[in-house]
Protein backbone atom coordinates (compact mmCIF):
# COMPACT_ATOMS: atom_id res chain seq x y z
CA MET A 1 0.00 0.00 0.00
CA GLU A 2 1.52 3.32 -1.09
CA LEU A 3 1.04 6.30 1.21
CA THR A 4 0.29 9.83 0.00
CA PRO A 5 3.21 12.29 0.28
CA SER A 6 3.20 13.60 3.84
CA ALA A 7 2.87 17.18 5.02
CA HIS A 8 4.88 16.31 8.11
CA VAL A 9 8.26 17.93 8.57
CA ASP A 10 8.89 15.72 11.59
CA THR A 11 8.29 12.26 10.11
CA PHE A 12 8.72 10.24 13.33
CA ALA A 13 5.15 8.91 13.37
CA ARG A 14 5.12 7.67 9.79
CA ASP A 15 8.69 6.37 10.05
CA HIS A 16 7.74 4.19 13.03
CA LEU A 17 4.58 2.63 11.63
CA PRO A 18 4.79 -1.14 11.21
CA PRO A 19 5.74 -2.45 7.76
CA VAL A 20 2.76 -2.29 5.42
CA ALA A 21 2.90 -6.08 5.08
CA GLN A 22 1.93 -6.29 8.77
CA TRP A 23 -1.10 -4.01 8.44
CA PRO A 24 -4.60 -5.45 8.35
CA LYS A 25 -6.57 -5.22 5.14
CA ILE A 26 -8.02 -1.70 5.17
CA THR A 27 -10.88 -0.49 2.97
CA PRO A 28 -10.83 3.33 3.23
CA LEU A 29 -14.04 5.23 2.71
CA PRO A 30 -14.14 7.34 -0.47
CA GLY A 31 -12.43 10.68 0.02
CA PRO A 32 -9.66 13.00 -1.15
CA ASP A 33 -5.98 12.16 -0.78
CA ARG A 34 -5.44 15.32 1.24
CA LEU A 35 -7.62 16.38 4.14
CA ASN A 36 -7.30 17.77 7.62
CA CYS A 37 -9.84 16.32 10.05
CA GLY A 38 -9.80 19.48 12.16
CA VAL A 39 -10.92 21.50 9.15
CA GLU A 40 -13.56 18.93 8.24
CA LEU A 41 -15.01 18.77 11.75
CA LEU A 42 -15.06 22.50 12.43
CA ASP A 43 -14.76 24.71 9.34
CA ARG A 44 -16.79 22.52 6.99
CA THR A 45 -19.54 22.08 9.58
CA MET A 46 -19.72 25.86 10.02
CA GLU A 47 -19.99 26.31 6.27
CA ARG A 48 -22.99 23.96 6.22
CA LEU A 49 -24.83 25.10 9.32
CA GLY A 50 -23.52 28.54 10.32
CA SER A 51 -21.31 29.91 13.09
CA ALA A 52 -23.96 30.76 15.70
CA ARG A 53 -24.82 27.16 16.60
CA PRO A 54 -23.69 25.96 20.05
CA ALA A 55 -20.70 23.62 19.87
CA PHE A 56 -19.63 23.07 23.48
CA ARG A 57 -21.43 23.66 26.76
CA THR A 58 -20.19 23.41 30.33
CA GLY A 59 -21.87 22.39 33.54
CA ASP A 60 -22.08 26.01 34.73
CA GLY A 61 -24.10 27.02 31.67
CA SER A 62 -21.34 28.53 29.53
CA VAL A 63 -21.73 28.06 25.78
CA TRP A 64 -19.13 28.15 23.00
CA SER A 65 -20.62 28.65 19.55
CA TYR A 66 -19.02 27.12 16.47
CA GLY A 67 -17.74 30.56 15.52
CA GLU A 68 -16.20 31.16 18.94
CA LEU A 69 -14.70 27.68 18.94
CA ARG A 70 -13.07 28.18 15.56
CA GLU A 71 -11.62 31.53 16.60
CA ARG A 72 -10.07 29.99 19.73
CA VAL A 73 -8.85 26.91 17.87
CA ASP A 74 -7.19 29.01 15.16
CA ARG A 75 -5.52 31.26 17.74
CA ILE A 76 -4.17 28.22 19.63
CA ALA A 77 -2.97 26.71 16.34
CA GLY A 78 -1.22 30.02 15.64
CA VAL A 79 0.56 29.82 19.00
CA LEU A 80 1.61 26.24 18.29
CA ARG A 81 3.11 27.11 14.91
CA GLY A 82 4.46 30.49 16.07
CA PRO A 83 5.77 31.11 19.62
CA LEU A 84 5.93 27.41 20.56
CA GLY A 85 7.73 26.36 17.40
CA VAL A 86 5.68 23.24 16.72
CA VAL A 87 6.23 21.88 13.21
CA PRO A 88 3.91 19.48 11.36
CA GLY A 89 4.40 15.97 12.65
CA ASN A 90 5.58 16.94 16.15
CA ARG A 91 3.77 15.00 18.86
CA VAL A 92 1.86 17.24 21.28
CA LEU A 93 0.71 15.73 24.55
CA LEU A 94 -2.65 16.99 25.84
CA ARG A 95 -3.56 16.62 29.52
CA GLY A 96 -6.43 17.93 31.61
CA PRO A 97 -9.99 17.26 32.70
CA THR A 98 -12.72 17.26 30.07
CA THR A 99 -13.33 20.91 29.16
CA PRO A 100 -13.95 22.95 26.01
CA SER A 101 -10.37 24.22 26.28
CA LEU A 102 -8.97 20.68 26.09
CA ALA A 103 -11.17 19.93 23.07
CA ALA A 104 -10.05 23.19 21.44
CA CYS A 105 -6.42 22.22 21.98
CA TRP A 106 -7.04 18.87 20.27
CA LEU A 107 -8.65 20.57 17.26
CA ALA A 108 -5.80 23.09 17.12
CA VAL A 109 -3.22 20.30 17.06
CA MET A 110 -5.12 18.78 14.12
CA LYS A 111 -5.22 22.04 12.17
CA ALA A 112 -1.54 22.71 12.94
CA GLY A 113 -0.64 19.39 11.34
CA ALA A 114 0.84 18.00 14.54
CA VAL A 115 0.01 14.66 16.20
CA ALA A 116 -2.19 14.63 19.31
CA VAL A 117 -1.28 12.37 22.20
CA THR A 118 -4.18 12.85 24.61
CA VAL A 119 -3.67 11.25 28.00
CA LEU A 120 -5.88 10.73 31.02
CA ASP A 121 -5.74 13.43 33.66
CA ALA A 122 -5.49 10.70 36.31
CA GLN A 123 -2.38 9.06 34.87
CA ARG A 124 0.65 8.99 37.15
CA PRO A 125 4.10 10.47 36.41
CA GLY A 126 5.62 7.07 35.60
CA GLU A 127 2.86 6.32 33.10
CA LEU A 128 3.24 9.75 31.50
CA ALA A 129 6.99 9.29 31.22
CA ALA A 130 6.53 5.97 29.39
CA ILE A 131 4.04 7.52 26.95
CA CYS A 132 6.32 10.46 26.22
CA SER A 133 9.24 8.10 25.64
CA ILE A 134 7.36 5.81 23.24
CA ALA A 135 5.88 8.69 21.21
CA ALA A 136 9.00 10.92 21.47
CA VAL A 137 6.92 13.80 22.86
CA ARG A 138 8.61 17.19 23.31
CA HIS A 139 5.59 19.52 23.53
CA ALA A 140 2.67 19.44 25.96
CA LEU A 141 -0.45 21.55 26.46
CA CYS A 142 -1.65 20.98 30.00
CA ASP A 143 -4.46 22.31 32.16
CA ALA A 144 -2.82 24.56 34.74
CA ARG A 145 -4.30 22.42 37.52
CA SER A 146 -2.56 19.31 36.15
CA VAL A 147 0.92 20.65 35.45
CA THR A 148 2.52 19.40 38.67
CA GLY A 149 1.90 15.74 37.89
CA LEU A 150 3.19 16.11 34.34
CA ALA A 151 6.29 17.98 35.46
CA ALA A 152 6.96 15.21 37.98
CA ALA A 153 7.29 12.76 35.08
CA GLY A 154 10.69 14.31 34.42
CA VAL A 155 10.53 13.95 30.64
CA PRO A 156 13.81 15.25 29.16
CA GLY A 157 13.32 18.27 26.93
CA LEU A 158 9.54 18.41 27.39
CA ARG A 159 8.16 21.93 26.97
CA ILE A 160 4.95 22.23 29.03
CA THR A 161 2.61 25.09 28.16
CA PRO A 162 -0.20 25.50 30.69
CA TYR A 163 -3.69 26.68 29.84
CA GLY A 164 -6.45 28.09 32.03
CA GLY A 165 -4.13 29.64 34.59
CA ASP A 166 -2.68 33.08 35.27
CA SER A 167 0.98 32.61 34.33
CA PRO A 168 2.57 34.91 31.71
CA ASP A 169 3.17 31.93 29.40
CA ASP A 170 -0.40 30.62 29.66
CA LEU A 171 -1.55 29.28 26.29
CA LEU A 172 -4.84 31.15 26.30
CA ARG A 173 -3.08 34.42 27.15
CA LEU A 174 -0.59 33.86 24.32
CA ALA A 175 -3.49 33.04 21.99
CA ARG A 176 -5.03 36.48 22.51
CA GLY A 177 -1.92 37.98 20.95
CA VAL A 178 -2.02 36.12 17.64
CA SER A 179 -4.32 36.31 14.64
CA ASP A 180 -7.43 34.17 14.37
CA ASP A 181 -6.81 33.87 10.62
CA PHE A 182 -4.95 30.56 10.55
CA SER A 183 -4.43 28.47 7.42
CA ALA A 184 -4.61 24.81 8.39
CA VAL A 185 -1.80 22.53 7.29
CA ASP A 186 -2.69 20.61 4.11
CA THR A 187 -2.16 17.19 5.63
CA ALA A 188 -2.41 13.95 3.71
CA ALA A 189 -5.46 11.83 4.49
CA ASP A 190 -3.04 9.15 5.70
CA ASP A 191 -0.85 11.45 7.78
CA VAL A 192 -0.92 10.38 11.43
CA ALA A 193 -3.34 12.63 13.33
CA LEU A 194 -3.25 11.02 16.76
CA ILE A 195 -1.48 8.38 18.79
CA ALA A 196 -3.81 6.68 21.27
CA PHE A 197 -2.37 4.54 24.02
CA THR A 198 -4.12 1.42 25.18
CA SER A 199 -5.24 1.47 28.79
CA GLY A 200 -2.75 -1.34 29.31
CA THR A 201 -3.82 -3.90 31.90
CA THR A 202 -0.33 -5.41 31.85
CA GLY A 203 3.05 -4.60 30.36
CA ARG A 204 4.31 -1.75 28.20
CA PRO A 205 1.48 0.41 26.80
CA LYS A 206 0.82 0.08 23.09
CA ALA A 207 0.78 3.19 20.90
CA CYS A 208 -1.95 3.07 18.24
CA ALA A 209 -1.46 5.44 15.31
CA HIS A 210 -4.55 6.75 13.50
CA PHE A 211 -4.75 8.89 10.37
CA HIS A 212 -6.82 11.98 9.60
CA ARG A 213 -9.09 9.85 7.41
CA ASP A 214 -9.60 7.40 10.30
CA VAL A 215 -11.07 10.13 12.51
CA LEU A 216 -13.70 10.87 9.88
CA ALA A 217 -14.25 7.18 9.11
CA VAL A 218 -15.55 6.36 12.59
CA ALA A 219 -17.87 9.36 12.38
CA ASP A 220 -19.13 8.33 8.96
CA THR A 221 -19.69 4.67 9.91
CA PHE A 222 -20.85 4.08 13.48
CA SER A 223 -22.04 7.61 14.21
CA ALA A 224 -23.69 8.45 10.90
CA GLN A 225 -25.16 5.03 10.15
CA VAL A 226 -25.96 3.50 13.55
CA LEU A 227 -26.22 6.34 16.07
CA ARG A 228 -27.63 8.80 13.50
CA PRO A 229 -27.28 12.06 15.47
CA GLU A 230 -29.20 15.20 14.60
CA PRO A 231 -27.92 18.80 14.58
CA ASP A 232 -30.06 19.72 17.59
CA ASP A 233 -28.70 16.87 19.74
CA LEU A 234 -26.76 17.56 22.93
CA PHE A 235 -24.13 14.89 23.64
CA ALA A 236 -22.74 14.07 27.08
CA GLY A 237 -20.97 11.18 28.73
CA SER A 238 -18.43 9.88 31.18
CA PRO A 239 -15.41 8.79 29.08
CA PRO A 240 -12.52 11.28 29.08
CA LEU A 241 -11.03 12.60 25.86
CA GLY A 242 -7.88 10.54 26.45
CA PHE A 243 -10.06 7.49 25.81
CA THR A 244 -11.07 7.09 22.15
CA PHE A 245 -14.62 6.24 23.24
CA GLY A 246 -14.80 9.76 24.72
CA LEU A 247 -12.98 11.51 21.87
CA GLY A 248 -15.51 10.12 19.43
CA GLY A 249 -18.62 10.52 21.55
CA LEU A 250 -17.90 14.00 22.90
CA VAL A 251 -15.93 15.75 20.14
CA VAL A 252 -15.78 13.98 16.77
CA PHE A 253 -19.36 12.75 16.46
CA PRO A 254 -21.19 15.90 17.62
CA LEU A 255 -19.00 18.21 15.52
CA ARG A 256 -19.34 16.05 12.43
CA ALA A 257 -23.14 16.24 12.82
CA GLY A 258 -23.25 19.96 13.67
CA ALA A 259 -24.55 19.12 17.16
CA SER A 260 -23.22 20.22 20.55
CA ALA A 261 -21.60 18.50 23.52
CA LEU A 262 -21.86 19.09 27.24
CA LEU A 263 -18.30 18.67 28.56
CA LEU A 264 -18.23 17.80 32.24
CA GLU A 265 -15.08 17.72 34.33
CA ARG A 266 -16.73 15.19 36.64
CA ALA A 267 -19.08 12.75 34.94
CA GLY A 268 -19.84 9.84 37.22
CA PRO A 269 -23.41 8.55 37.61
CA ARG A 270 -24.17 11.10 40.34
CA GLU A 271 -23.05 13.96 38.08
CA LEU A 272 -24.63 12.67 34.88
CA LEU A 273 -28.16 12.37 36.25
CA PRO A 274 -28.58 16.05 37.26
CA ALA A 275 -26.75 17.12 34.09
CA ILE A 276 -29.23 15.24 31.90
CA ASP A 277 -32.09 16.81 33.84
CA ARG A 278 -30.73 20.38 33.86
CA HIS A 279 -29.32 20.63 30.34
CA GLY A 280 -31.62 18.34 28.37
CA VAL A 281 -28.98 15.87 27.20
CA SER A 282 -30.25 13.81 24.27
CA VAL A 283 -27.28 11.53 23.44
CA LEU A 284 -25.43 9.77 26.24
CA PHE A 285 -22.15 7.83 26.09
CA THR A 286 -21.11 5.79 29.12
CA ALA A 287 -20.27 2.29 30.35
CA PRO A 288 -22.57 -0.44 31.72
CA THR A 289 -21.37 0.23 35.26
CA ALA A 290 -22.59 3.82 35.03
CA TYR A 291 -26.00 2.81 33.65
CA ARG A 292 -26.42 0.46 36.62
CA GLY A 293 -25.29 3.21 38.99
CA MET A 294 -27.74 5.71 37.52
CA LEU A 295 -30.62 3.25 37.84
CA ALA A 296 -30.15 3.21 41.60
CA ASP A 297 -30.46 7.01 41.92
CA ALA A 298 -32.58 8.02 38.93
CA ALA A 299 -35.95 8.52 40.65
CA PRO A 300 -35.75 12.30 41.33
CA TYR A 301 -34.49 13.23 37.87
CA ARG A 302 -36.19 13.97 34.57
CA LEU A 303 -34.60 11.88 31.84
CA GLY A 304 -37.17 12.45 29.11
CA SER A 305 -34.75 14.45 26.95
CA LEU A 306 -32.71 11.31 26.24
CA ARG A 307 -33.02 10.05 22.69
CA ARG A 308 -29.94 7.85 22.28
CA CYS A 309 -27.86 5.97 24.87
CA VAL A 310 -24.63 4.23 23.89
CA SER A 311 -22.76 1.64 25.95
CA ALA A 312 -19.23 0.37 25.34
CA GLY A 313 -16.02 -0.30 27.24
CA GLU A 314 -17.22 -3.62 28.67
CA ASN A 315 -20.01 -6.10 28.08
CA LEU A 316 -23.55 -4.77 28.59
CA PRO A 317 -25.59 -7.30 30.62
CA GLU A 318 -29.06 -7.98 29.29
CA ASP A 319 -30.55 -7.29 32.72
CA THR A 320 -29.03 -3.78 32.74
CA TRP A 321 -30.38 -3.17 29.23
CA ARG A 322 -33.91 -4.21 30.23
CA ARG A 323 -33.95 -2.23 33.48
CA TRP A 324 -32.78 0.93 31.66
CA ARG A 325 -35.49 0.42 29.03
CA GLU A 326 -38.12 0.04 31.76
CA ARG A 327 -36.94 3.21 33.53
CA THR A 328 -36.38 5.50 30.52
CA GLY A 329 -38.03 3.88 27.53
CA ILE A 330 -34.66 4.06 25.74
CA ARG A 331 -33.06 1.02 24.13
CA ILE A 332 -29.33 1.22 24.84
CA ILE A 333 -27.16 0.95 21.74
CA ASN A 334 -24.58 -1.64 22.75
CA GLY A 335 -21.25 -1.70 20.96
CA ILE A 336 -17.73 -3.03 20.96
CA GLY A 337 -14.79 -0.92 19.94
CA ALA A 338 -11.05 -0.91 20.53
CA THR A 339 -8.32 1.68 20.85
CA GLU A 340 -6.59 -0.12 17.97
CA LEU A 341 -9.64 0.49 15.75
CA LEU A 342 -10.50 3.91 17.19
CA HIS A 343 -14.20 3.34 17.92
CA ILE A 344 -17.19 1.00 17.67
CA PHE A 345 -17.30 -1.58 14.86
CA ILE A 346 -20.10 -3.98 15.97
CA SER A 347 -23.42 -2.56 17.16
CA ALA A 348 -27.14 -2.26 16.46
CA ALA A 349 -29.82 0.36 17.08
CA ASP A 350 -33.58 0.66 17.35
CA ASP A 351 -35.55 -2.36 16.09
CA ALA A 352 -32.32 -4.11 15.09
CA ILE A 353 -31.23 -4.46 18.73
CA ARG A 354 -31.18 -7.99 20.17
CA PRO A 355 -30.75 -7.66 23.96
CA GLY A 356 -27.92 -9.84 25.20
CA THR A 357 -25.94 -9.51 21.96
CA THR A 358 -23.52 -6.82 20.82
CA GLY A 359 -25.08 -6.53 17.37
CA VAL A 360 -23.86 -6.87 13.80
CA PRO A 361 -20.92 -5.33 11.93
CA VAL A 362 -21.31 -1.58 11.47
CA PRO A 363 -21.69 -0.68 7.76
CA GLY A 364 -18.21 -0.52 6.27
CA TRP A 365 -16.89 -3.23 8.61
CA GLN A 366 -16.60 -7.02 8.38
CA ALA A 367 -16.39 -9.49 11.26
CA ARG A 368 -16.01 -13.22 11.67
CA ILE A 369 -15.17 -15.78 14.35
CA VAL A 370 -11.94 -17.76 14.00
CA ASP A 371 -10.02 -20.40 15.91
CA GLU A 372 -6.51 -20.04 17.34
CA ARG A 373 -5.04 -20.68 13.87
CA GLY A 374 -7.20 -18.02 12.21
CA ARG A 375 -9.60 -20.46 10.52
CA PRO A 376 -13.31 -19.47 10.48
CA VAL A 377 -15.54 -21.49 12.81
CA PRO A 378 -19.22 -22.34 12.23
CA ASP A 379 -22.04 -20.21 13.60
CA GLY A 380 -22.85 -21.10 17.18
CA MET A 381 -19.26 -22.11 18.00
CA PRO A 382 -17.11 -19.91 20.26
CA GLY A 383 -13.91 -18.44 18.92
CA LEU A 384 -11.90 -15.26 18.55
CA LEU A 385 -13.40 -12.10 17.10
CA ALA A 386 -11.67 -10.92 13.91
CA VAL A 387 -12.64 -7.64 12.22
CA ARG A 388 -11.51 -5.39 9.41
CA GLY A 389 -12.77 -2.21 7.80
CA PRO A 390 -11.80 1.43 7.12
CA VAL A 391 -9.56 1.66 10.21
CA GLY A 392 -6.93 -0.86 11.33
CA CYS A 393 -4.35 -1.53 13.99
CA ARG A 394 -0.96 0.11 13.48
CA TYR A 395 1.22 -0.03 16.58
CA LEU A 396 4.32 2.16 16.69
CA ASP A 397 7.46 0.01 16.80
CA ASP A 398 5.83 -2.87 18.65
CA PRO A 399 6.29 -6.60 17.96
CA ARG A 400 2.76 -7.17 19.30
CA GLN A 401 1.54 -5.94 15.89
CA ARG A 402 2.00 -9.53 14.68
CA ASP A 403 -0.27 -10.82 17.44
CA TYR A 404 -3.06 -8.33 16.83
CA VAL A 405 -3.08 -8.55 13.03
CA ARG A 406 -3.15 -11.96 11.34
CA ASP A 407 -3.95 -12.71 7.70
CA GLY A 408 -5.27 -9.19 7.20
CA TRP A 409 -7.69 -9.31 10.15
CA ASN A 410 -7.58 -7.46 13.48
CA LEU A 411 -7.89 -9.94 16.38
CA THR A 412 -9.38 -7.95 19.23
CA GLY A 413 -8.68 -10.47 22.00
CA ASP A 414 -12.39 -11.12 22.60
CA SER A 415 -14.15 -14.48 22.61
CA TYR A 416 -17.44 -14.33 20.71
CA VAL A 417 -20.11 -16.48 19.11
CA ARG A 418 -21.77 -15.54 15.83
CA GLU A 419 -25.38 -16.64 16.03
CA PRO A 420 -27.10 -18.15 12.97
CA ASP A 421 -29.00 -14.88 12.43
CA GLY A 422 -25.70 -13.01 12.06
CA TYR A 423 -25.67 -11.36 15.51
CA PHE A 424 -22.47 -11.43 17.54
CA ARG A 425 -22.69 -12.45 21.20
CA TYR A 426 -19.88 -11.65 23.62
CA LEU A 427 -18.43 -14.41 25.78
CA SER A 428 -15.33 -12.99 27.45
CA ARG A 429 -11.93 -11.60 26.88
CA ALA A 430 -9.91 -14.41 25.36
CA ASP A 431 -7.90 -14.80 28.55
CA ASP A 432 -10.96 -14.64 30.82
CA MET A 433 -12.41 -18.01 29.85
CA ILE A 434 -12.54 -20.27 32.92
CA ILE A 435 -12.01 -23.98 32.32
CA SER A 436 -13.30 -26.09 35.22
CA SER A 437 -13.55 -29.89 35.10
CA GLY A 438 -13.48 -29.70 31.31
CA TYR A 439 -16.26 -27.12 31.08
CA ASN A 440 -15.70 -23.73 29.42
CA ILE A 441 -17.21 -20.99 31.60
CA ALA A 442 -17.40 -17.38 30.42
CA GLY A 443 -16.93 -15.12 33.43
CA PRO A 444 -19.19 -12.30 32.09
CA GLU A 445 -22.10 -14.74 31.83
CA VAL A 446 -21.81 -15.48 35.56
CA GLU A 447 -21.35 -11.77 36.26
CA GLU A 448 -24.60 -11.01 34.44
CA ALA A 449 -26.43 -13.54 36.61
CA LEU A 450 -24.97 -11.99 39.76
CA LEU A 451 -25.85 -8.45 38.63
CA SER A 452 -29.49 -9.45 38.26
CA HIS A 453 -29.64 -9.88 42.05
CA PRO A 454 -30.92 -6.67 43.71
CA ASP A 455 -28.20 -6.72 46.39
CA VAL A 456 -25.30 -6.65 43.87
CA THR A 457 -23.99 -3.40 42.39
CA GLU A 458 -20.78 -4.72 40.79
CA ALA A 459 -19.43 -8.18 40.05
CA ALA A 460 -16.30 -9.74 38.56
CA VAL A 461 -15.81 -13.45 38.04
CA VAL A 462 -12.41 -15.10 37.59
CA GLY A 463 -10.92 -18.58 37.77
CA ARG A 464 -8.70 -19.71 40.63
CA PRO A 465 -6.31 -22.61 40.10
CA ASP A 466 -7.58 -25.82 41.69
CA PRO A 467 -5.71 -29.15 41.84
CA LEU A 468 -8.85 -31.21 41.17
CA ARG A 469 -10.84 -29.15 38.69
CA GLY A 470 -8.12 -27.11 37.01
CA GLN A 471 -9.94 -23.94 38.01
CA VAL A 472 -12.88 -23.03 40.18
CA VAL A 473 -15.17 -20.04 39.71
CA VAL A 474 -14.62 -17.19 42.17
CA ALA A 475 -17.03 -14.23 42.31
CA HIS A 476 -15.84 -10.82 43.54
CA VAL A 477 -18.88 -8.79 44.51
CA VAL A 478 -19.67 -5.24 45.63
CA LEU A 479 -22.91 -5.21 47.60
CA ARG A 480 -25.61 -2.60 47.82
CA GLU A 481 -25.12 -0.33 50.81
CA GLY A 482 -26.48 -1.85 54.00
CA VAL A 483 -26.39 -5.49 52.86
CA PRO A 484 -24.26 -7.60 55.23
CA ALA A 485 -21.19 -9.25 53.73
CA GLY A 486 -21.44 -12.69 55.25
CA GLU A 487 -22.07 -16.38 54.74
CA ALA A 488 -25.83 -16.02 54.39
CA THR A 489 -25.50 -13.40 51.64
CA ALA A 490 -22.91 -15.50 49.81
CA GLU A 491 -25.21 -18.52 49.88
CA ALA A 492 -28.12 -16.43 48.65
CA LEU A 493 -26.07 -15.16 45.69
CA ILE A 494 -24.87 -18.65 44.76
CA THR A 495 -28.44 -19.92 44.93
CA SER A 496 -29.59 -17.06 42.72
CA VAL A 497 -26.95 -17.88 40.09
CA ARG A 498 -27.82 -21.57 40.26
CA GLU A 499 -31.39 -20.66 39.41
CA ARG A 500 -30.23 -18.92 36.22
CA LEU A 501 -27.25 -20.97 35.05
CA SER A 502 -26.08 -24.55 34.89
CA PRO A 503 -24.65 -25.76 38.22
CA TYR A 504 -21.10 -26.07 36.84
CA LYS A 505 -21.08 -22.31 36.16
CA CYS A 506 -21.95 -21.31 39.74
CA PRO A 507 -19.32 -19.68 41.94
CA ARG A 508 -17.74 -21.92 44.50
CA GLU A 509 -16.41 -18.93 46.39
CA VAL A 510 -17.65 -15.38 46.91
CA VAL A 511 -15.37 -12.54 47.91
CA PHE A 512 -17.01 -9.31 49.06
CA ALA A 513 -15.13 -6.14 48.10
CA ARG A 514 -15.64 -2.43 48.68
CA SER A 515 -14.74 -1.77 45.05
CA LEU A 516 -13.37 -3.57 42.00
CA PRO A 517 -10.07 -2.66 40.30
CA ARG A 518 -10.53 -0.71 37.10
CA THR A 519 -8.31 1.16 34.67
CA GLY A 520 -8.54 4.93 34.27
CA THR A 521 -10.98 4.34 31.42
CA GLY A 522 -13.28 2.21 33.58
CA LYS A 523 -12.35 -1.22 32.26
CA LEU A 524 -12.42 -4.03 34.78
CA GLN A 525 -8.94 -5.39 35.61
CA ARG A 526 -9.73 -9.05 36.15
CA TYR A 527 -6.04 -9.93 36.08
CA ARG A 528 -5.64 -8.16 39.43
CA LEU A 529 -8.31 -10.37 40.95
CA ARG A 530 -6.42 -13.44 39.72
CA SER A 531 -3.13 -12.22 41.19
CA PRO A 532 -2.12 -13.55 44.62
CA ALA A 533 -0.11 -10.34 45.11
CA ASP A 534 -3.38 -8.44 45.30
CA GLY A 535 -4.75 -10.86 47.87
CA ALA A 536 -7.79 -11.75 45.80
CA GLY A 537 -8.73 -15.15 44.48
CA SER A 538 -5.84 -16.96 46.13
CA PRO A 539 -6.30 -20.00 48.42
CA GLY A 540 -6.92 -19.09 52.02
CA ARG A 541 -7.94 -15.51 51.28
CA ALA A 542 -11.15 -15.97 49.34
CA ALA A 543 -13.22 -18.07 51.68
CA ARG A 544 -16.90 -18.09 50.85
CA GLY A 545 -18.57 -14.98 52.17
CA GLN A 546 -15.38 -13.31 53.37
CA ALA A 547 -14.95 -9.58 52.84
CA LEU A 548 -11.75 -8.15 51.40
CA GLN A 549 -9.77 -5.99 53.79
């Protein structure tokens, strides 16, 4: 595959892509060879719908119109290319809570022809140092409240420019001194626009490179053809912009549709409910855990403005889907995506939804189930999910590229079944399958049964090594406030699961926990529950009904 001549002066990102022979088969959507996704999302939308439309809102009621957003973006881009000396292709790290200013910085990096490396505000100095090393980052735009943690990373040669503070070198102060007439860099459609790091449950984080055309591709597939937003929609959600689920749902998708987004610095269930009520949110992006959390506290709030609800990040239990439908009348749009593929590639909406399944391939994508050798398996048989489409995995300088991409397909690491009607049903992460006495047990299936019990707010199921059975099923459970964590409750939960599932799938041990380990993006870290070092799931610590200390 021959790439279009690059606009990048600093060619690090393109130089460190894997060899083209190791790429998956990619079928780009029709489009020009040269485009800048920042221009397409902002300037072209303004040309279609005007500059007065609201683009971003904040929890305190502030509103940025499309015209105001473009002016601020172009001034920031001018600072990048002028006083800060950023050249096309330089990697620019972005750090801060979810605000319009952070989103404006991301758009400015796009228009300046640089490469955005957006990180989570909660990431620690050691994590930030690793990211900066892998992506060779030398420039950073950082919320003034988050500078200390970034500075503590001790990245050699890193120039940190704060924004939102009162220092003389504050980005927004510098931006007031430059022109708002900025000519965006004429990037190639296949110039790298962003490097997204996997949340990394174990080992060295993986750097996923995505092109300008990829950013538009996820908007023109999942968003345009499944979600189908309208210009008057107001988006909101919990995922941060350092998570590609959040970048798509809170910036790319609303701007591509000419809609607006409510950007909340704090967006847990307790913040989302009053925000939906107060601001009239119509499109919501969050994880299954948050939907369950909101169900518990939803009674006082008006949720009638909701039109679309999207769930991703982890498996959506059918019970959660049905309870949300009963409470709001909204059918949650379930989906699976991956940092390597930028956003959601299997989903379904409206009458096409089959509760308990993820859905079907999004238009423009293909999916199949394969065995460990990459051979397709029949419908109804479990195997590994393999997908391909307009976006594909391209790790920077990482031998794990060969594991993720095989025979032109992206292997996501998920175990799935394709039903005879073409719907894909999630089983587990490939390494989360529990094998006990010869039986294959998918942990999420047991979790779903546990979550249907009214006393359970969170659940994680893992296998513990056992000399007789190979593994036994261990359930880690967070109980509803006020429910006693003891033998009687454990027995009640096991009985409840036994009523829903075959006996061999029932937990043999229950561990009560105050919380479950999750990544900064909200993904459950089951590996920590399997690790004796964490004191969970190891013999002698996980007696039935015992609470974690």
